[in-house]
C-alpha atoms as a PDB file:
ATOM      1  CA  MET A   1     -49.778   5.665 -67.565  1.00  0.00           C
ATOM      2  CA  GLU A   2     -47.199   5.870 -70.352  1.00  0.00           C
ATOM      3  CA  PRO A   3     -44.338   8.081 -69.233  1.00  0.00           C
ATOM      4  CA  PRO A   4     -44.753  11.670 -70.268  1.00  0.00           C
ATOM      5  CA  SER A   5     -42.200  13.126 -72.678  1.00  0.00           C
ATOM      6  CA  THR A   6     -39.630  15.350 -70.893  1.00  0.00           C
ATOM      7  CA  ARG A   7     -38.325  16.865 -74.222  1.00  0.00           C
ATOM      8  CA  ASN A   8     -40.437  19.960 -73.583  1.00  0.00           C
ATOM      9  CA  ILE A   9     -38.896  20.765 -70.127  1.00  0.00           C
ATOM     10  CA  THR A  10     -35.812  22.854 -70.420  1.00  0.00           C
ATOM     11  CA  VAL A  11     -33.345  23.192 -67.517  1.00  0.00           C
ATOM     12  CA  LEU A  12     -30.837  25.832 -67.140  1.00  0.00           C
ATOM     13  CA  ASN A  13     -28.319  25.552 -64.401  1.00  0.00           C
ATOM     14  CA  GLU A  14     -26.601  28.879 -63.574  1.00  0.00           C
ATOM     15  CA  THR A  15     -24.959  27.314 -60.484  1.00  0.00           C
ATOM     16  CA  GLU A  16     -21.742  25.405 -60.151  1.00  0.00           C
ATOM     17  CA  ARG A  17     -23.726  22.346 -58.546  1.00  0.00           C
ATOM     18  CA  ASN A  18     -23.854  19.346 -60.655  1.00  0.00           C
ATOM     19  CA  VAL A  19     -27.618  18.427 -60.411  1.00  0.00           C
ATOM     20  CA  ARG A  20     -29.337  15.447 -62.105  1.00  0.00           C
ATOM     21  CA  THR A  21     -31.792  17.125 -64.206  1.00  0.00           C
ATOM     22  CA  ALA A  22     -33.783  13.964 -65.482  1.00  0.00           C
ATOM     23  CA  THR A  23     -35.820  13.701 -62.143  1.00  0.00           C
ATOM     24  CA  LEU A  24     -36.680  17.485 -62.315  1.00  0.00           C
ATOM     25  CA  ARG A  25     -37.862  17.328 -66.214  1.00  0.00           C
ATOM     26  CA  ARG A  26     -39.871  14.034 -65.234  1.00  0.00           C
ATOM     27  CA  ALA A  27     -41.502  15.558 -62.290  1.00  0.00           C
ATOM     28  CA  VAL A  28     -42.664  18.686 -64.237  1.00  0.00           C
ATOM     29  CA  ALA A  29     -43.735  16.600 -67.207  1.00  0.00           C
ATOM     30  CA  VAL A  30     -45.943  14.258 -64.789  1.00  0.00           C
ATOM     31  CA  ALA A  31     -47.493  17.284 -63.175  1.00  0.00           C
ATOM     32  CA  PHE A  32     -48.436  18.673 -66.565  1.00  0.00           C
ATOM     33  CA  THR A  33     -49.697  15.283 -67.896  1.00  0.00           C
ATOM     34  CA  LEU A  34     -51.779  14.604 -64.736  1.00  0.00           C
ATOM     35  CA  ASN A  35     -53.388  17.876 -64.999  1.00  0.00           C
ATOM     36  CA  GLY A  36     -54.566  17.926 -68.529  1.00  0.00           C
ATOM     37  CA  HIS A  37     -51.470  19.688 -70.099  1.00  0.00           C
ATOM     38  CA  SER A  38     -49.538  16.850 -71.886  1.00  0.00           C
ATOM     39  CA  GLY A  39     -47.092  18.328 -74.206  1.00  0.00           C
ATOM     40  CA  ALA A  40     -46.806  21.576 -72.399  1.00  0.00           C
ATOM     41  CA  LYS A  41     -43.558  23.456 -72.245  1.00  0.00           C
ATOM     42  CA  ALA A  42     -41.682  25.004 -69.284  1.00  0.00           C
ATOM     43  CA  CYS A  43     -38.121  26.224 -68.376  1.00  0.00           C
ATOM     44  CA  LEU A  44     -36.644  25.483 -65.096  1.00  0.00           C
ATOM     45  CA  LEU A  45     -33.824  27.753 -63.816  1.00  0.00           C
ATOM     46  CA  LEU A  46     -31.586  26.498 -61.180  1.00  0.00           C
ATOM     47  CA  THR A  47     -29.902  29.490 -59.591  1.00  0.00           C
ATOM     48  CA  THR A  48     -28.474  31.003 -56.411  1.00  0.00           C
ATOM     49  CA  ASP A  49     -29.906  32.623 -53.526  1.00  0.00           C
ATOM     50  CA  GLU A  50     -28.612  36.036 -54.739  1.00  0.00           C
ATOM     51  CA  ARG A  51     -30.339  35.624 -58.237  1.00  0.00           C
ATOM     52  CA  ILE A  52     -33.650  34.410 -56.664  1.00  0.00           C
ATOM     53  CA  ARG A  53     -33.558  37.212 -54.262  1.00  0.00           C
ATOM     54  CA  GLU A  54     -33.085  39.774 -57.147  1.00  0.00           C
ATOM     55  CA  LEU A  55     -35.983  38.020 -59.182  1.00  0.00           C
ATOM     56  CA  ASN A  56     -38.334  38.149 -55.990  1.00  0.00           C
ATOM     57  CA  ARG A  57     -37.382  41.796 -55.608  1.00  0.00           C
ATOM     58  CA  GLN A  58     -37.833  42.708 -59.310  1.00  0.00           C
ATOM     59  CA  PHE A  59     -41.225  40.653 -59.779  1.00  0.00           C
ATOM     60  CA  ARG A  60     -42.866  40.358 -56.375  1.00  0.00           C
ATOM     61  CA  GLY A  61     -41.358  43.423 -54.583  1.00  0.00           C
ATOM     62  CA  LEU A  62     -39.935  41.230 -51.840  1.00  0.00           C
ATOM     63  CA  ASP A  63     -36.180  41.671 -50.986  1.00  0.00           C
ATOM     64  CA  GLU A  64     -35.499  38.090 -49.787  1.00  0.00           C
ATOM     65  CA  SER A  65     -34.401  34.859 -51.098  1.00  0.00           C
ATOM     66  CA  THR A  66     -36.860  32.058 -51.280  1.00  0.00           C
ATOM     67  CA  ASP A  67     -36.990  28.445 -52.570  1.00  0.00           C
ATOM     68  CA  VAL A  68     -39.143  28.712 -55.705  1.00  0.00           C
ATOM     69  CA  LEU A  69     -40.768  31.223 -57.901  1.00  0.00           C
ATOM     70  CA  THR A  70     -43.039  30.817 -60.861  1.00  0.00           C
ATOM     71  CA  PHE A  71     -43.568  32.981 -63.828  1.00  0.00           C
ATOM     72  CA  PRO A  72     -46.694  31.961 -65.797  1.00  0.00           C
ATOM     73  CA  ALA A  73     -46.607  32.585 -69.641  1.00  0.00           C
ATOM     74  CA  GLY A  74     -50.025  33.864 -69.995  1.00  0.00           C
ATOM     75  CA  GLU A  75     -52.880  32.884 -72.093  1.00  0.00           C
ATOM     76  CA  PHE A  76     -51.382  33.591 -75.428  1.00  0.00           C
ATOM     77  CA  ALA A  77     -48.304  31.581 -75.080  1.00  0.00           C
ATOM     78  CA  GLY A  78     -49.783  28.573 -76.505  1.00  0.00           C
ATOM     79  CA  ASP A  79     -47.984  25.357 -75.204  1.00  0.00           C
ATOM     80  CA  GLN A  80     -45.373  27.417 -73.100  1.00  0.00           C
ATOM     81  CA  LEU A  81     -46.812  27.599 -69.666  1.00  0.00           C
ATOM     82  CA  GLY A  82     -43.939  29.586 -68.210  1.00  0.00           C
ATOM     83  CA  ASP A  83     -40.678  29.368 -66.168  1.00  0.00           C
ATOM     84  CA  VAL A  84     -39.730  28.109 -62.718  1.00  0.00           C
ATOM     85  CA  ALA A  85     -36.733  29.348 -60.845  1.00  0.00           C
ATOM     86  CA  ILE A  86     -35.364  27.306 -57.858  1.00  0.00           C
ATOM     87  CA  ALA A  87     -32.611  28.424 -55.575  1.00  0.00           C
ATOM     88  CA  ILE A  88     -30.119  25.517 -55.076  1.00  0.00           C
ATOM     89  CA  PRO A  89     -28.392  26.674 -51.863  1.00  0.00           C
ATOM     90  CA  TYR A  90     -32.018  27.339 -50.446  1.00  0.00           C
ATOM     91  CA  ALA A  91     -33.120  23.968 -51.532  1.00  0.00           C
ATOM     92  CA  GLU A  92     -30.027  22.364 -49.985  1.00  0.00           C
ATOM     93  CA  ARG A  93     -30.728  23.987 -46.565  1.00  0.00           C
ATOM     94  CA  GLN A  94     -34.503  23.002 -46.765  1.00  0.00           C
ATOM     95  CA  ALA A  95     -33.685  19.593 -47.648  1.00  0.00           C
ATOM     96  CA  LYS A  96     -31.221  19.336 -44.707  1.00  0.00           C
ATOM     97  CA  ALA A  97     -33.907  20.743 -42.374  1.00  0.00           C
ATOM     98  CA  ARG A  98     -36.430  18.269 -43.803  1.00  0.00           C
ATOM     99  CA  ASN A  99     -33.990  15.481 -43.587  1.00  0.00           C
ATOM    100  CA  VAL A 100     -34.480  14.502 -47.166  1.00  0.00           C
ATOM    101  CA  SER A 101     -31.998  14.372 -50.325  1.00  0.00           C
ATOM    102  CA  LEU A 102     -31.369  17.392 -52.459  1.00  0.00           C
ATOM    103  CA  SER A 103     -32.831  15.566 -55.296  1.00  0.00           C
ATOM    104  CA  GLU A 104     -36.141  14.844 -53.384  1.00  0.00           C
ATOM    105  CA  GLU A 105     -36.279  18.544 -52.346  1.00  0.00           C
ATOM    106  CA  LEU A 106     -35.604  19.740 -55.840  1.00  0.00           C
ATOM    107  CA  GLY A 107     -38.230  17.243 -57.139  1.00  0.00           C
ATOM    108  CA  PHE A 108     -40.898  18.714 -54.863  1.00  0.00           C
ATOM    109  CA  LEU A 109     -39.912  22.338 -55.591  1.00  0.00           C
ATOM    110  CA  ALA A 110     -40.141  21.580 -59.418  1.00  0.00           C
ATOM    111  CA  ILE A 111     -43.699  19.960 -58.920  1.00  0.00           C
ATOM    112  CA  HIS A 112     -44.699  22.873 -56.878  1.00  0.00           C
ATOM    113  CA  GLY A 113     -43.751  25.275 -59.479  1.00  0.00           C
ATOM    114  CA  ALA A 114     -45.315  23.216 -62.173  1.00  0.00           C
ATOM    115  CA  LEU A 115     -48.654  23.131 -60.271  1.00  0.00           C
ATOM    116  CA  HIS A 116     -48.622  27.105 -59.936  1.00  0.00           C
ATOM    117  CA  LEU A 117     -47.884  27.331 -63.740  1.00  0.00           C
ATOM    118  CA  ILE A 118     -51.116  25.326 -64.417  1.00  0.00           C
ATOM    119  CA  GLY A 119     -53.217  27.466 -61.885  1.00  0.00           C
ATOM    120  CA  PHE A 120     -52.886  25.872 -58.553  1.00  0.00           C
ATOM    121  CA  ASP A 121     -52.474  28.164 -55.616  1.00  0.00           C
ATOM    122  CA  ASP A 122     -51.637  28.008 -51.940  1.00  0.00           C
ATOM    123  CA  GLN A 123     -52.598  31.235 -50.439  1.00  0.00           C
ATOM    124  CA  THR A 124     -55.357  29.694 -48.212  1.00  0.00           C
ATOM    125  CA  ASP A 125     -55.296  26.654 -45.922  1.00  0.00           C
ATOM    126  CA  VAL A 126     -57.617  24.737 -48.116  1.00  0.00           C
ATOM    127  CA  ASP A 127     -55.781  25.614 -51.354  1.00  0.00           C
ATOM    128  CA  ARG A 128     -52.469  24.601 -49.542  1.00  0.00           C
ATOM    129  CA  ALA A 129     -53.841  21.348 -48.670  1.00  0.00           C
ATOM    130  CA  GLU A 130     -55.117  20.517 -52.056  1.00  0.00           C
ATOM    131  CA  MET A 131     -51.751  21.651 -53.554  1.00  0.00           C
ATOM    132  CA  VAL A 132     -49.968  19.296 -51.351  1.00  0.00           C
ATOM    133  CA  ARG A 133     -52.360  16.527 -52.050  1.00  0.00           C
ATOM    134  CA  LYS A 134     -51.692  17.108 -55.810  1.00  0.00           C
ATOM    135  CA  MET A 135     -48.042  17.444 -55.168  1.00  0.00           C
ATOM    136  CA  ASN A 136     -47.846  13.967 -53.594  1.00  0.00           C
ATOM    137  CA  GLU A 137     -49.909  12.366 -56.435  1.00  0.00           C
ATOM    138  CA  VAL A 138     -47.314  13.760 -58.882  1.00  0.00           C
ATOM    139  CA  ALA A 139     -44.447  12.622 -56.771  1.00  0.00           C
ATOM    140  CA  LEU A 140     -45.544   9.110 -56.664  1.00  0.00           C
ATOM    141  CA  ASP A 141     -46.078   8.900 -60.529  1.00  0.00           C
ATOM    142  CA  ALA A 142     -42.755  10.583 -60.886  1.00  0.00           C
ATOM    143  CA  GLY A 143     -40.977   8.221 -58.779  1.00  0.00           C
ATOM    144  CA  LEU A 144     -40.546  10.401 -55.672  1.00  0.00           C
ATOM    145  CA  LYS A 145     -41.318   9.544 -52.037  1.00  0.00           C
ATOM    146  CA  PRO A 146     -44.527  11.316 -51.053  1.00  0.00           C
ATOM    147  CA  ASP A 147     -44.277  13.864 -48.157  1.00  0.00           C
ATOM    148  CA  GLU A 148     -47.780  14.749 -46.901  1.00  0.00           C
ATOM    149  CA  GLU A 149     -46.277  17.319 -44.568  1.00  0.00           C
ATOM    150  CA  TRP A 150     -44.261  19.268 -47.356  1.00  0.00           C
ATOM    151  CA  CYS A 151     -44.220  23.006 -47.213  1.00  0.00           C
ATOM    152  CA  SER A 152     -41.754  25.812 -47.933  1.00  0.00           C
ATOM    153  CA  LEU A 153     -39.547  25.982 -44.820  1.00  0.00           C
ATOM    154  CA  LEU A 154     -37.115  28.632 -43.615  1.00  0.00           C
ATOM    155  CA  HIS A 155     -38.797  31.805 -44.761  1.00  0.00           C
ATOM    156  CA  GLY A 156     -37.586  34.672 -42.731  1.00  0.00           C
ATOM    157  CA  GLU A 157     -34.695  32.578 -41.380  1.00  0.00           C
ATOM    158  CA  VAL A 158     -32.387  32.539 -44.665  1.00  0.00           C
ATOM    159  CA  ASP A 159     -31.323  36.049 -45.202  1.00  0.00           C
END
């Protein structure tokens, strides 16, 4: 497969953390391309636990921080599929608990968010297993080490 273009993936970093964004842009672009959305656009927001908690409260009615949130753009947005917000401090704690690098964890969170934007869900065990399978397929093509056991950790333990 020819490498997908990452120019349609915007990354906004609200944190003071220096994060290599090329891996994140590539992971999202590969997720889109492998699932029939070549050339799709998205924005990744790298933010704090406090900001993601605020977004979670505002849009989902949950007053807690989390690792990743997705905001699909809707059917009339053209190539813009939506936005993904990732909490860097949460991802750091999750990476430590999983014994992986922050870069790997952020890559998986970006892929997870991208798959939500194109319609994948993880509310049931069957859907979750399919999503993790798809995440690992994307990870391999994006140059990340697969993790068949990947899941969001720490929910209920962070606040």
